[in-house]
Amino acid sequence: MLPGEALEVYDAKEICDYLIQKLQKIPTGTENAGAFHNLMIGIFELLLYPNLSAPRKETPIHDGRKRIDITYSNSSESGFFFTLPNKNPTLPCPFVVIECKNYSGEVANPELDQLSGRFSNRRGRVGILSCRSLDSNDGFIKRCTDTYNDDRGLIIPICDDDIIRALGDYPTIKTNALERILEEKYREITFQ
């Protein structure tokens, strides 16, 4: 990915349009999971820099028995990832973890439990589940609310539609493009 200052030299709208096209061309399914995973690393880095930085793919934990798809260092000095742990001390986030699910079926409890199982007070208790789509009845948001209400951390689902919306807004509002969506979903989870 480009260093943050290098983006000023390039046309941000052109880059965002290119990323939208790349995302839309990746078919769902396990055979394309690696392509989806790699693209999401770059998209999240673009949308959340400088508040999240230093992405790492396949971070091993528990002596390598488990892996986190993507970890970002929380380097925020303002915005969503700065405010969240300062307003809610039960949600530390020195790192933000992201799990990528490239399938068309419903994202369900096992995926939610997998992500919440990656949380700890040292790593953080905030994560994003990046998936292609969510069921239309908001069942996954309700499960995220259950996890949150049980003090097992905060999991925010982000699907392709959210990413496309954020990439569309990024050229004018930069990091706020995705952080607004994260804030909307956090409120929805909190007040469900």
N, C-alpha and C. Protein backbone atom coordinates (compact mmCIF):
# COMPACT_ATOMS: atom_id res chain seq x y z
N MET A 1 0.84 -1.18 0.00
CA MET A 1 0.00 0.00 0.00
C MET A 1 0.88 1.23 0.00
N LEU A 2 0.31 2.32 -0.45
CA LEU A 2 1.04 3.58 -0.54
C LEU A 2 1.15 4.23 0.82
N PRO A 3 2.29 4.89 1.11
CA PRO A 3 2.35 5.67 2.34
C PRO A 3 1.26 6.74 2.28
N GLY A 4 0.73 7.16 3.43
CA GLY A 4 -0.37 8.11 3.49
C GLY A 4 -0.13 9.38 2.69
N GLU A 5 1.06 9.95 2.81
CA GLU A 5 1.32 11.20 2.09
C GLU A 5 1.37 11.00 0.58
N ALA A 6 1.67 9.80 0.13
CA ALA A 6 1.73 9.53 -1.31
C ALA A 6 0.34 9.59 -1.94
N LEU A 7 -0.71 9.37 -1.14
CA LEU A 7 -2.07 9.42 -1.69
C LEU A 7 -2.42 10.80 -2.20
N GLU A 8 -1.78 11.84 -1.66
CA GLU A 8 -2.07 13.18 -2.13
C GLU A 8 -1.64 13.37 -3.57
N VAL A 9 -0.66 12.60 -4.04
CA VAL A 9 -0.16 12.70 -5.40
C VAL A 9 -1.12 12.02 -6.38
N TYR A 10 -1.83 11.02 -5.94
CA TYR A 10 -2.69 10.23 -6.78
C TYR A 10 -4.14 10.68 -6.66
N ASP A 11 -4.94 10.34 -7.62
CA ASP A 11 -6.36 10.66 -7.61
C ASP A 11 -7.09 9.65 -6.71
N ALA A 12 -7.54 10.12 -5.54
CA ALA A 12 -8.17 9.22 -4.58
C ALA A 12 -9.44 8.59 -5.15
N LYS A 13 -10.20 9.33 -5.94
CA LYS A 13 -11.42 8.77 -6.53
C LYS A 13 -11.06 7.64 -7.49
N GLU A 14 -10.02 7.81 -8.25
CA GLU A 14 -9.60 6.76 -9.18
C GLU A 14 -9.18 5.49 -8.43
N ILE A 15 -8.46 5.67 -7.35
CA ILE A 15 -8.02 4.54 -6.53
C ILE A 15 -9.24 3.83 -5.92
N CYS A 16 -10.17 4.61 -5.38
CA CYS A 16 -11.35 4.03 -4.75
C CYS A 16 -12.23 3.31 -5.77
N ASP A 17 -12.39 3.89 -6.95
CA ASP A 17 -13.16 3.23 -8.01
C ASP A 17 -12.51 1.91 -8.41
N TYR A 18 -11.19 1.90 -8.49
CA TYR A 18 -10.46 0.68 -8.82
C TYR A 18 -10.68 -0.40 -7.76
N LEU A 19 -10.62 -0.01 -6.49
CA LEU A 19 -10.83 -0.96 -5.40
C LEU A 19 -12.25 -1.51 -5.38
N ILE A 20 -13.22 -0.67 -5.69
CA ILE A 20 -14.61 -1.14 -5.78
C ILE A 20 -14.74 -2.19 -6.88
N GLN A 21 -14.15 -1.93 -8.02
CA GLN A 21 -14.20 -2.88 -9.13
C GLN A 21 -13.53 -4.20 -8.76
N LYS A 22 -12.37 -4.12 -8.10
CA LYS A 22 -11.67 -5.33 -7.67
C LYS A 22 -12.53 -6.14 -6.71
N LEU A 23 -13.16 -5.47 -5.76
CA LEU A 23 -14.01 -6.15 -4.78
C LEU A 23 -15.18 -6.84 -5.48
N GLN A 24 -15.82 -6.14 -6.38
CA GLN A 24 -16.99 -6.70 -7.07
C GLN A 24 -16.64 -7.87 -7.98
N LYS A 25 -15.40 -7.98 -8.41
CA LYS A 25 -14.98 -9.06 -9.30
C LYS A 25 -14.58 -10.33 -8.56
N ILE A 26 -14.35 -10.25 -7.25
CA ILE A 26 -13.95 -11.44 -6.49
C ILE A 26 -15.18 -12.29 -6.20
N PRO A 27 -15.23 -13.51 -6.73
CA PRO A 27 -16.37 -14.39 -6.42
C PRO A 27 -16.32 -14.84 -4.96
N THR A 28 -17.49 -15.15 -4.43
CA THR A 28 -17.54 -15.71 -3.08
C THR A 28 -17.06 -17.16 -3.13
N GLY A 29 -16.67 -17.67 -1.98
CA GLY A 29 -16.25 -19.06 -1.87
C GLY A 29 -14.84 -19.20 -1.35
N THR A 30 -14.55 -20.38 -0.83
CA THR A 30 -13.25 -20.62 -0.20
C THR A 30 -12.09 -20.53 -1.19
N GLU A 31 -12.34 -20.87 -2.47
CA GLU A 31 -11.24 -20.82 -3.44
C GLU A 31 -10.79 -19.38 -3.72
N ASN A 32 -11.60 -18.39 -3.37
CA ASN A 32 -11.23 -16.99 -3.56
C ASN A 32 -11.03 -16.25 -2.24
N ALA A 33 -10.98 -17.00 -1.14
CA ALA A 33 -10.84 -16.38 0.18
C ALA A 33 -9.53 -15.60 0.29
N GLY A 34 -8.43 -16.12 -0.25
CA GLY A 34 -7.14 -15.44 -0.17
C GLY A 34 -7.17 -14.11 -0.91
N ALA A 35 -7.79 -14.06 -2.08
CA ALA A 35 -7.88 -12.81 -2.84
C ALA A 35 -8.71 -11.78 -2.09
N PHE A 36 -9.83 -12.23 -1.50
CA PHE A 36 -10.67 -11.34 -0.71
C PHE A 36 -9.91 -10.81 0.50
N HIS A 37 -9.25 -11.69 1.19
CA HIS A 37 -8.46 -11.35 2.38
C HIS A 37 -7.40 -10.30 2.04
N ASN A 38 -6.63 -10.55 0.98
CA ASN A 38 -5.57 -9.62 0.58
C ASN A 38 -6.12 -8.26 0.18
N LEU A 39 -7.23 -8.25 -0.54
CA LEU A 39 -7.82 -6.98 -0.94
C LEU A 39 -8.32 -6.20 0.27
N MET A 40 -8.92 -6.91 1.23
CA MET A 40 -9.45 -6.22 2.41
C MET A 40 -8.34 -5.60 3.25
N ILE A 41 -7.17 -6.22 3.28
CA ILE A 41 -6.05 -5.60 4.00
C ILE A 41 -5.79 -4.21 3.43
N GLY A 42 -5.69 -4.12 2.12
CA GLY A 42 -5.41 -2.83 1.48
C GLY A 42 -6.55 -1.84 1.62
N ILE A 43 -7.78 -2.31 1.47
CA ILE A 43 -8.93 -1.41 1.58
C ILE A 43 -9.03 -0.83 2.99
N PHE A 44 -8.93 -1.68 4.00
CA PHE A 44 -9.00 -1.17 5.38
C PHE A 44 -7.82 -0.24 5.68
N GLU A 45 -6.65 -0.56 5.15
CA GLU A 45 -5.50 0.32 5.38
C GLU A 45 -5.77 1.70 4.79
N LEU A 46 -6.29 1.74 3.57
CA LEU A 46 -6.62 3.02 2.95
C LEU A 46 -7.68 3.76 3.76
N LEU A 47 -8.77 3.09 4.07
CA LEU A 47 -9.91 3.75 4.71
C LEU A 47 -9.65 4.18 6.15
N LEU A 48 -8.74 3.52 6.83
CA LEU A 48 -8.56 3.81 8.26
C LEU A 48 -7.21 4.44 8.62
N TYR A 49 -6.31 4.60 7.66
CA TYR A 49 -5.03 5.25 7.94
C TYR A 49 -5.26 6.74 8.17
N PRO A 50 -4.66 7.37 9.14
CA PRO A 50 -3.60 6.92 10.03
C PRO A 50 -4.08 6.36 11.37
N ASN A 51 -5.42 6.26 11.55
CA ASN A 51 -5.93 5.82 12.85
C ASN A 51 -5.62 4.36 13.15
N LEU A 52 -5.61 3.54 12.13
CA LEU A 52 -5.13 2.16 12.27
C LEU A 52 -3.95 2.02 11.31
N SER A 53 -2.91 1.35 11.76
CA SER A 53 -1.70 1.25 10.95
C SER A 53 -1.04 -0.11 11.15
N ALA A 54 0.02 -0.32 10.41
CA ALA A 54 0.86 -1.52 10.52
C ALA A 54 0.05 -2.82 10.43
N PRO A 55 -0.66 -3.03 9.32
CA PRO A 55 -1.44 -4.27 9.21
C PRO A 55 -0.57 -5.51 9.15
N ARG A 56 -1.04 -6.56 9.78
CA ARG A 56 -0.36 -7.86 9.73
C ARG A 56 -1.37 -8.92 9.36
N LYS A 57 -0.96 -9.75 8.44
CA LYS A 57 -1.82 -10.84 7.98
C LYS A 57 -1.49 -12.11 8.74
N GLU A 58 -2.54 -12.86 9.11
CA GLU A 58 -2.37 -14.16 9.75
C GLU A 58 -1.49 -14.09 11.00
N THR A 59 -1.86 -13.24 11.92
CA THR A 59 -1.11 -13.08 13.16
C THR A 59 -1.36 -14.30 14.06
N PRO A 60 -0.31 -15.06 14.39
CA PRO A 60 -0.53 -16.23 15.24
C PRO A 60 -0.72 -15.83 16.71
N ILE A 61 -1.60 -16.55 17.39
CA ILE A 61 -1.76 -16.40 18.84
C ILE A 61 -1.80 -17.79 19.45
N HIS A 62 -1.68 -17.86 20.76
CA HIS A 62 -1.72 -19.14 21.50
C HIS A 62 -0.72 -20.13 20.92
N ASP A 63 0.53 -19.69 20.83
CA ASP A 63 1.62 -20.53 20.30
C ASP A 63 1.32 -21.08 18.91
N GLY A 64 0.60 -20.27 18.10
CA GLY A 64 0.33 -20.66 16.73
C GLY A 64 -0.87 -21.57 16.55
N ARG A 65 -1.58 -21.89 17.64
CA ARG A 65 -2.74 -22.76 17.52
C ARG A 65 -3.93 -22.05 16.87
N LYS A 66 -3.92 -20.72 16.93
CA LYS A 66 -4.97 -19.91 16.32
C LYS A 66 -4.30 -18.77 15.56
N ARG A 67 -5.03 -18.24 14.60
CA ARG A 67 -4.55 -17.11 13.82
C ARG A 67 -5.65 -16.07 13.69
N ILE A 68 -5.22 -14.81 13.66
CA ILE A 68 -6.13 -13.70 13.40
C ILE A 68 -5.88 -13.27 11.96
N ASP A 69 -6.95 -13.18 11.17
CA ASP A 69 -6.79 -12.84 9.75
C ASP A 69 -5.96 -11.58 9.56
N ILE A 70 -6.38 -10.48 10.19
CA ILE A 70 -5.67 -9.21 10.06
C ILE A 70 -5.65 -8.52 11.42
N THR A 71 -4.51 -7.98 11.78
CA THR A 71 -4.43 -7.12 12.96
C THR A 71 -3.87 -5.78 12.54
N TYR A 72 -4.41 -4.73 13.11
CA TYR A 72 -3.92 -3.37 12.91
C TYR A 72 -3.55 -2.80 14.26
N SER A 73 -2.49 -2.02 14.32
CA SER A 73 -2.16 -1.26 15.52
C SER A 73 -3.07 -0.05 15.58
N ASN A 74 -3.56 0.22 16.76
CA ASN A 74 -4.40 1.40 16.96
C ASN A 74 -3.47 2.58 17.20
N SER A 75 -3.31 3.43 16.21
CA SER A 75 -2.44 4.60 16.30
C SER A 75 -3.24 5.89 16.31
N SER A 76 -4.53 5.79 16.63
CA SER A 76 -5.42 6.94 16.53
C SER A 76 -5.15 7.96 17.63
N GLU A 77 -5.28 9.21 17.24
CA GLU A 77 -5.22 10.33 18.17
C GLU A 77 -6.54 11.08 18.18
N SER A 78 -7.48 10.61 17.38
CA SER A 78 -8.83 11.15 17.33
C SER A 78 -9.69 10.11 16.59
N GLY A 79 -10.97 10.36 16.55
CA GLY A 79 -11.86 9.47 15.79
C GLY A 79 -12.37 8.29 16.59
N PHE A 80 -13.01 7.38 15.87
CA PHE A 80 -13.73 6.26 16.47
C PHE A 80 -12.86 5.40 17.38
N PHE A 81 -11.68 4.99 16.91
CA PHE A 81 -10.84 4.08 17.68
C PHE A 81 -10.09 4.77 18.82
N PHE A 82 -10.10 6.09 18.84
CA PHE A 82 -9.55 6.84 19.97
C PHE A 82 -10.64 7.03 21.03
N THR A 83 -11.82 7.43 20.58
CA THR A 83 -12.91 7.72 21.49
C THR A 83 -13.45 6.46 22.18
N LEU A 84 -13.57 5.38 21.42
CA LEU A 84 -14.19 4.15 21.93
C LEU A 84 -13.60 3.68 23.26
N PRO A 85 -12.29 3.41 23.36
CA PRO A 85 -11.78 2.93 24.65
C PRO A 85 -11.73 4.00 25.73
N ASN A 86 -11.71 5.27 25.32
CA ASN A 86 -11.70 6.35 26.31
C ASN A 86 -13.08 6.58 26.92
N LYS A 87 -14.13 6.30 26.16
CA LYS A 87 -15.49 6.45 26.67
C LYS A 87 -16.00 5.15 27.31
N ASN A 88 -15.44 4.02 26.88
CA ASN A 88 -15.88 2.72 27.39
C ASN A 88 -14.65 1.88 27.72
N PRO A 89 -14.17 1.95 28.96
CA PRO A 89 -12.95 1.23 29.33
C PRO A 89 -13.04 -0.29 29.23
N THR A 90 -14.26 -0.84 29.05
CA THR A 90 -14.37 -2.29 28.86
C THR A 90 -14.03 -2.69 27.43
N LEU A 91 -13.72 -1.70 26.57
CA LEU A 91 -13.40 -1.98 25.18
C LEU A 91 -12.00 -1.47 24.82
N PRO A 92 -10.97 -2.01 25.50
CA PRO A 92 -9.62 -1.60 25.10
C PRO A 92 -9.36 -2.05 23.66
N CYS A 93 -8.59 -1.26 22.93
CA CYS A 93 -8.27 -1.68 21.57
C CYS A 93 -6.88 -1.19 21.15
N PRO A 94 -5.84 -1.70 21.83
CA PRO A 94 -4.49 -1.37 21.36
C PRO A 94 -4.25 -1.93 19.96
N PHE A 95 -4.96 -3.01 19.65
CA PHE A 95 -4.98 -3.59 18.31
C PHE A 95 -6.45 -3.78 17.93
N VAL A 96 -6.72 -3.70 16.66
CA VAL A 96 -8.06 -4.00 16.16
C VAL A 96 -7.93 -5.22 15.26
N VAL A 97 -8.75 -6.22 15.52
CA VAL A 97 -8.66 -7.48 14.77
C VAL A 97 -9.78 -7.54 13.74
N ILE A 98 -9.45 -8.10 12.60
CA ILE A 98 -10.43 -8.23 11.52
C ILE A 98 -10.41 -9.67 11.03
N GLU A 99 -11.58 -10.25 10.95
CA GLU A 99 -11.73 -11.57 10.36
C GLU A 99 -12.48 -11.40 9.05
N CYS A 100 -12.01 -12.07 8.01
CA CYS A 100 -12.59 -11.97 6.67
C CYS A 100 -13.34 -13.25 6.32
N LYS A 101 -14.57 -13.12 5.89
CA LYS A 101 -15.39 -14.27 5.50
C LYS A 101 -15.89 -14.05 4.09
N ASN A 102 -15.38 -14.82 3.16
CA ASN A 102 -15.71 -14.65 1.74
C ASN A 102 -16.76 -15.67 1.29
N TYR A 103 -17.88 -15.73 1.99
CA TYR A 103 -18.90 -16.64 1.51
C TYR A 103 -20.25 -15.96 1.45
N SER A 104 -21.10 -16.55 0.63
CA SER A 104 -22.40 -15.94 0.37
C SER A 104 -23.45 -16.37 1.37
N GLY A 105 -23.22 -17.42 2.09
CA GLY A 105 -24.18 -17.90 3.08
C GLY A 105 -24.22 -16.99 4.29
N GLU A 106 -25.15 -17.28 5.16
CA GLU A 106 -25.33 -16.48 6.36
C GLU A 106 -24.11 -16.58 7.28
N VAL A 107 -23.68 -15.44 7.77
CA VAL A 107 -22.63 -15.39 8.79
C VAL A 107 -23.35 -15.66 10.11
N ALA A 108 -22.87 -16.64 10.86
CA ALA A 108 -23.63 -17.11 12.02
C ALA A 108 -22.78 -17.13 13.29
N ASN A 109 -23.30 -17.82 14.30
CA ASN A 109 -22.63 -17.86 15.61
C ASN A 109 -21.19 -18.36 15.57
N PRO A 110 -20.84 -19.40 14.82
CA PRO A 110 -19.44 -19.85 14.85
C PRO A 110 -18.45 -18.76 14.44
N GLU A 111 -18.82 -17.95 13.45
CA GLU A 111 -17.93 -16.87 13.02
C GLU A 111 -17.82 -15.79 14.08
N LEU A 112 -18.93 -15.50 14.72
CA LEU A 112 -18.94 -14.52 15.80
C LEU A 112 -18.10 -15.02 16.97
N ASP A 113 -18.29 -16.27 17.34
CA ASP A 113 -17.53 -16.85 18.46
C ASP A 113 -16.04 -16.94 18.13
N GLN A 114 -15.72 -17.22 16.87
CA GLN A 114 -14.31 -17.27 16.47
C GLN A 114 -13.65 -15.91 16.72
N LEU A 115 -14.32 -14.85 16.30
CA LEU A 115 -13.73 -13.52 16.46
C LEU A 115 -13.66 -13.12 17.92
N SER A 116 -14.72 -13.32 18.68
CA SER A 116 -14.68 -12.94 20.10
C SER A 116 -13.65 -13.77 20.86
N GLY A 117 -13.35 -14.99 20.37
CA GLY A 117 -12.32 -15.82 20.98
C GLY A 117 -10.91 -15.29 20.76
N ARG A 118 -10.76 -14.35 19.85
CA ARG A 118 -9.45 -13.73 19.59
C ARG A 118 -9.19 -12.55 20.52
N PHE A 119 -10.22 -12.11 21.24
CA PHE A 119 -10.10 -10.93 22.10
C PHE A 119 -9.36 -11.26 23.40
N SER A 120 -8.68 -10.26 23.91
CA SER A 120 -8.11 -10.31 25.26
C SER A 120 -7.88 -8.86 25.68
N ASN A 121 -7.68 -8.65 26.96
CA ASN A 121 -7.43 -7.28 27.41
C ASN A 121 -6.12 -6.73 26.85
N ARG A 122 -5.16 -7.59 26.61
CA ARG A 122 -3.87 -7.12 26.06
C ARG A 122 -3.95 -6.84 24.56
N ARG A 123 -4.61 -7.71 23.80
CA ARG A 123 -4.74 -7.50 22.36
C ARG A 123 -5.82 -6.49 22.04
N GLY A 124 -6.89 -6.56 22.79
CA GLY A 124 -8.04 -5.69 22.56
C GLY A 124 -9.33 -6.48 22.54
N ARG A 125 -10.42 -5.75 22.63
CA ARG A 125 -11.74 -6.38 22.69
C ARG A 125 -12.67 -5.75 21.64
N VAL A 126 -12.06 -5.30 20.53
CA VAL A 126 -12.81 -4.68 19.46
C VAL A 126 -12.38 -5.31 18.15
N GLY A 127 -13.36 -5.73 17.35
CA GLY A 127 -13.03 -6.35 16.08
C GLY A 127 -14.06 -6.05 15.01
N ILE A 128 -13.65 -6.31 13.79
CA ILE A 128 -14.51 -6.14 12.62
C ILE A 128 -14.63 -7.50 11.95
N LEU A 129 -15.85 -7.87 11.61
CA LEU A 129 -16.05 -9.07 10.81
C LEU A 129 -16.38 -8.57 9.40
N SER A 130 -15.45 -8.77 8.49
CA SER A 130 -15.62 -8.34 7.10
C SER A 130 -16.20 -9.50 6.31
N CYS A 131 -17.39 -9.27 5.75
CA CYS A 131 -18.07 -10.32 5.01
C CYS A 131 -18.70 -9.74 3.75
N ARG A 132 -19.15 -10.61 2.89
CA ARG A 132 -19.70 -10.16 1.61
C ARG A 132 -21.08 -9.56 1.77
N SER A 133 -21.93 -10.16 2.61
CA SER A 133 -23.27 -9.63 2.85
C SER A 133 -23.77 -10.18 4.18
N LEU A 134 -24.85 -9.59 4.65
CA LEU A 134 -25.49 -10.05 5.89
C LEU A 134 -26.93 -10.40 5.60
N ASP A 135 -27.50 -11.24 6.46
CA ASP A 135 -28.91 -11.59 6.27
C ASP A 135 -29.77 -10.34 6.42
N SER A 136 -30.88 -10.32 5.74
CA SER A 136 -31.71 -9.13 5.68
C SER A 136 -32.49 -8.86 6.96
N ASN A 137 -32.60 -9.81 7.84
CA ASN A 137 -33.39 -9.59 9.05
C ASN A 137 -32.57 -9.11 10.25
N ASP A 138 -31.35 -8.67 10.00
CA ASP A 138 -30.48 -8.14 11.05
C ASP A 138 -30.15 -9.14 12.15
N GLY A 139 -30.23 -10.44 11.84
CA GLY A 139 -29.91 -11.45 12.84
C GLY A 139 -28.49 -11.37 13.33
N PHE A 140 -27.56 -11.04 12.44
CA PHE A 140 -26.17 -10.96 12.88
C PHE A 140 -25.94 -9.77 13.80
N ILE A 141 -26.58 -8.65 13.50
CA ILE A 141 -26.46 -7.48 14.40
C ILE A 141 -26.97 -7.85 15.79
N LYS A 142 -28.06 -8.60 15.85
CA LYS A 142 -28.60 -9.02 17.14
C LYS A 142 -27.60 -9.91 17.88
N ARG A 143 -26.90 -10.79 17.15
CA ARG A 143 -25.89 -11.64 17.78
C ARG A 143 -24.70 -10.79 18.24
N CYS A 144 -24.37 -9.75 17.50
CA CYS A 144 -23.30 -8.84 17.94
C CYS A 144 -23.71 -8.11 19.21
N THR A 145 -25.00 -7.76 19.30
CA THR A 145 -25.53 -7.13 20.51
C THR A 145 -25.42 -8.10 21.69
N ASP A 146 -25.76 -9.36 21.47
CA ASP A 146 -25.65 -10.36 22.54
C ASP A 146 -24.21 -10.45 23.04
N THR A 147 -23.26 -10.52 22.12
CA THR A 147 -21.84 -10.59 22.49
C THR A 147 -21.44 -9.36 23.30
N TYR A 148 -21.85 -8.20 22.83
CA TYR A 148 -21.55 -6.93 23.50
C TYR A 148 -22.18 -6.89 24.90
N ASN A 149 -23.46 -7.26 25.00
CA ASN A 149 -24.15 -7.23 26.29
C ASN A 149 -23.60 -8.25 27.27
N ASP A 150 -23.00 -9.32 26.77
CA ASP A 150 -22.38 -10.33 27.63
C ASP A 150 -20.94 -9.99 27.99
N ASP A 151 -20.50 -8.76 27.65
CA ASP A 151 -19.13 -8.29 27.94
C ASP A 151 -18.06 -9.16 27.31
N ARG A 152 -18.36 -9.68 26.10
CA ARG A 152 -17.36 -10.48 25.37
C ARG A 152 -16.70 -9.68 24.26
N GLY A 153 -16.90 -8.35 24.28
CA GLY A 153 -16.26 -7.48 23.31
C GLY A 153 -17.24 -6.91 22.30
N LEU A 154 -16.71 -6.08 21.42
CA LEU A 154 -17.50 -5.43 20.39
C LEU A 154 -17.08 -5.95 19.03
N ILE A 155 -18.01 -6.54 18.31
CA ILE A 155 -17.78 -7.00 16.95
C ILE A 155 -18.70 -6.20 16.04
N ILE A 156 -18.10 -5.54 15.06
CA ILE A 156 -18.87 -4.74 14.12
C ILE A 156 -18.78 -5.41 12.74
N PRO A 157 -19.93 -5.80 12.19
CA PRO A 157 -19.90 -6.39 10.86
C PRO A 157 -19.82 -5.32 9.78
N ILE A 158 -18.95 -5.54 8.82
CA ILE A 158 -18.81 -4.64 7.67
C ILE A 158 -18.91 -5.52 6.42
N CYS A 159 -19.88 -5.23 5.57
CA CYS A 159 -20.06 -6.03 4.36
C CYS A 159 -19.70 -5.20 3.13
N ASP A 160 -19.77 -5.83 1.97
CA ASP A 160 -19.38 -5.17 0.72
C ASP A 160 -20.09 -3.84 0.53
N ASP A 161 -21.39 -3.78 0.81
CA ASP A 161 -22.13 -2.53 0.64
C ASP A 161 -21.54 -1.41 1.48
N ASP A 162 -21.11 -1.72 2.71
CA ASP A 162 -20.48 -0.71 3.58
C ASP A 162 -19.15 -0.25 3.00
N ILE A 163 -18.37 -1.21 2.51
CA ILE A 163 -17.06 -0.88 1.93
C ILE A 163 -17.24 0.00 0.69
N ILE A 164 -18.19 -0.34 -0.16
CA ILE A 164 -18.44 0.44 -1.38
C ILE A 164 -18.89 1.86 -1.02
N ARG A 165 -19.76 1.96 -0.02
CA ARG A 165 -20.20 3.29 0.44
C ARG A 165 -19.02 4.10 0.96
N ALA A 166 -18.17 3.48 1.78
CA ALA A 166 -17.02 4.18 2.36
C ALA A 166 -16.02 4.59 1.27
N LEU A 167 -15.76 3.69 0.32
CA LEU A 167 -14.84 4.05 -0.77
C LEU A 167 -15.42 5.18 -1.62
N GLY A 168 -16.73 5.21 -1.79
CA GLY A 168 -17.36 6.30 -2.53
C GLY A 168 -17.22 7.64 -1.83
N ASP A 169 -17.27 7.63 -0.50
CA ASP A 169 -17.16 8.87 0.29
C ASP A 169 -15.72 9.26 0.59
N TYR A 170 -14.79 8.31 0.50
CA TYR A 170 -13.41 8.56 0.93
C TYR A 170 -12.75 9.77 0.24
N PRO A 171 -12.91 9.98 -1.05
CA PRO A 171 -12.21 11.11 -1.68
C PRO A 171 -12.54 12.46 -1.06
N THR A 172 -13.72 12.60 -0.46
CA THR A 172 -14.08 13.90 0.14
C THR A 172 -13.92 13.94 1.66
N ILE A 173 -14.17 12.81 2.34
CA ILE A 173 -14.12 12.88 3.82
C ILE A 173 -13.08 11.96 4.45
N LYS A 174 -12.26 11.32 3.66
CA LYS A 174 -11.13 10.49 4.11
C LYS A 174 -11.55 9.47 5.17
N THR A 175 -10.82 9.40 6.27
CA THR A 175 -11.02 8.37 7.29
C THR A 175 -12.43 8.38 7.85
N ASN A 176 -13.08 9.54 7.86
CA ASN A 176 -14.45 9.60 8.37
C ASN A 176 -15.41 8.73 7.56
N ALA A 177 -15.06 8.39 6.33
CA ALA A 177 -15.96 7.61 5.48
C ALA A 177 -16.32 6.28 6.12
N LEU A 178 -15.33 5.52 6.58
CA LEU A 178 -15.63 4.24 7.23
C LEU A 178 -15.93 4.43 8.71
N GLU A 179 -15.30 5.39 9.36
CA GLU A 179 -15.54 5.58 10.79
C GLU A 179 -16.99 5.97 11.07
N ARG A 180 -17.63 6.70 10.16
CA ARG A 180 -19.06 7.02 10.33
C ARG A 180 -19.91 5.75 10.31
N ILE A 181 -19.57 4.84 9.40
CA ILE A 181 -20.30 3.58 9.31
C ILE A 181 -20.08 2.75 10.58
N LEU A 182 -18.84 2.71 11.05
CA LEU A 182 -18.54 1.98 12.29
C LEU A 182 -19.33 2.57 13.46
N GLU A 183 -19.40 3.88 13.53
CA GLU A 183 -20.15 4.54 14.60
C GLU A 183 -21.64 4.22 14.50
N GLU A 184 -22.19 4.24 13.29
CA GLU A 184 -23.61 3.90 13.09
C GLU A 184 -23.89 2.48 13.58
N LYS A 185 -23.02 1.56 13.22
CA LYS A 185 -23.25 0.16 13.60
C LYS A 185 -23.03 -0.04 15.10
N TYR A 186 -22.07 0.67 15.67
CA TYR A 186 -21.85 0.60 17.12
C TYR A 186 -23.11 1.07 17.86
N ARG A 187 -23.70 2.16 17.40
CA ARG A 187 -24.94 2.65 18.02
C ARG A 187 -26.05 1.63 17.87
N GLU A 188 -26.16 1.03 16.69
CA GLU A 188 -27.20 0.03 16.46
C GLU A 188 -27.01 -1.17 17.38
N ILE A 189 -25.78 -1.62 17.54
CA ILE A 189 -25.48 -2.75 18.44
C ILE A 189 -25.79 -2.37 19.88
N THR A 190 -25.42 -1.17 20.28
CA THR A 190 -25.61 -0.73 21.66
C THR A 190 -27.07 -0.57 22.02
N PHE A 191 -27.87 -0.05 21.10
CA PHE A 191 -29.27 0.27 21.42
C PHE A 191 -30.26 -0.75 20.86
N GLN A 192 -29.79 -1.91 20.42
CA GLN A 192 -30.64 -2.97 19.86
C GLN A 192 -31.63 -3.44 20.90
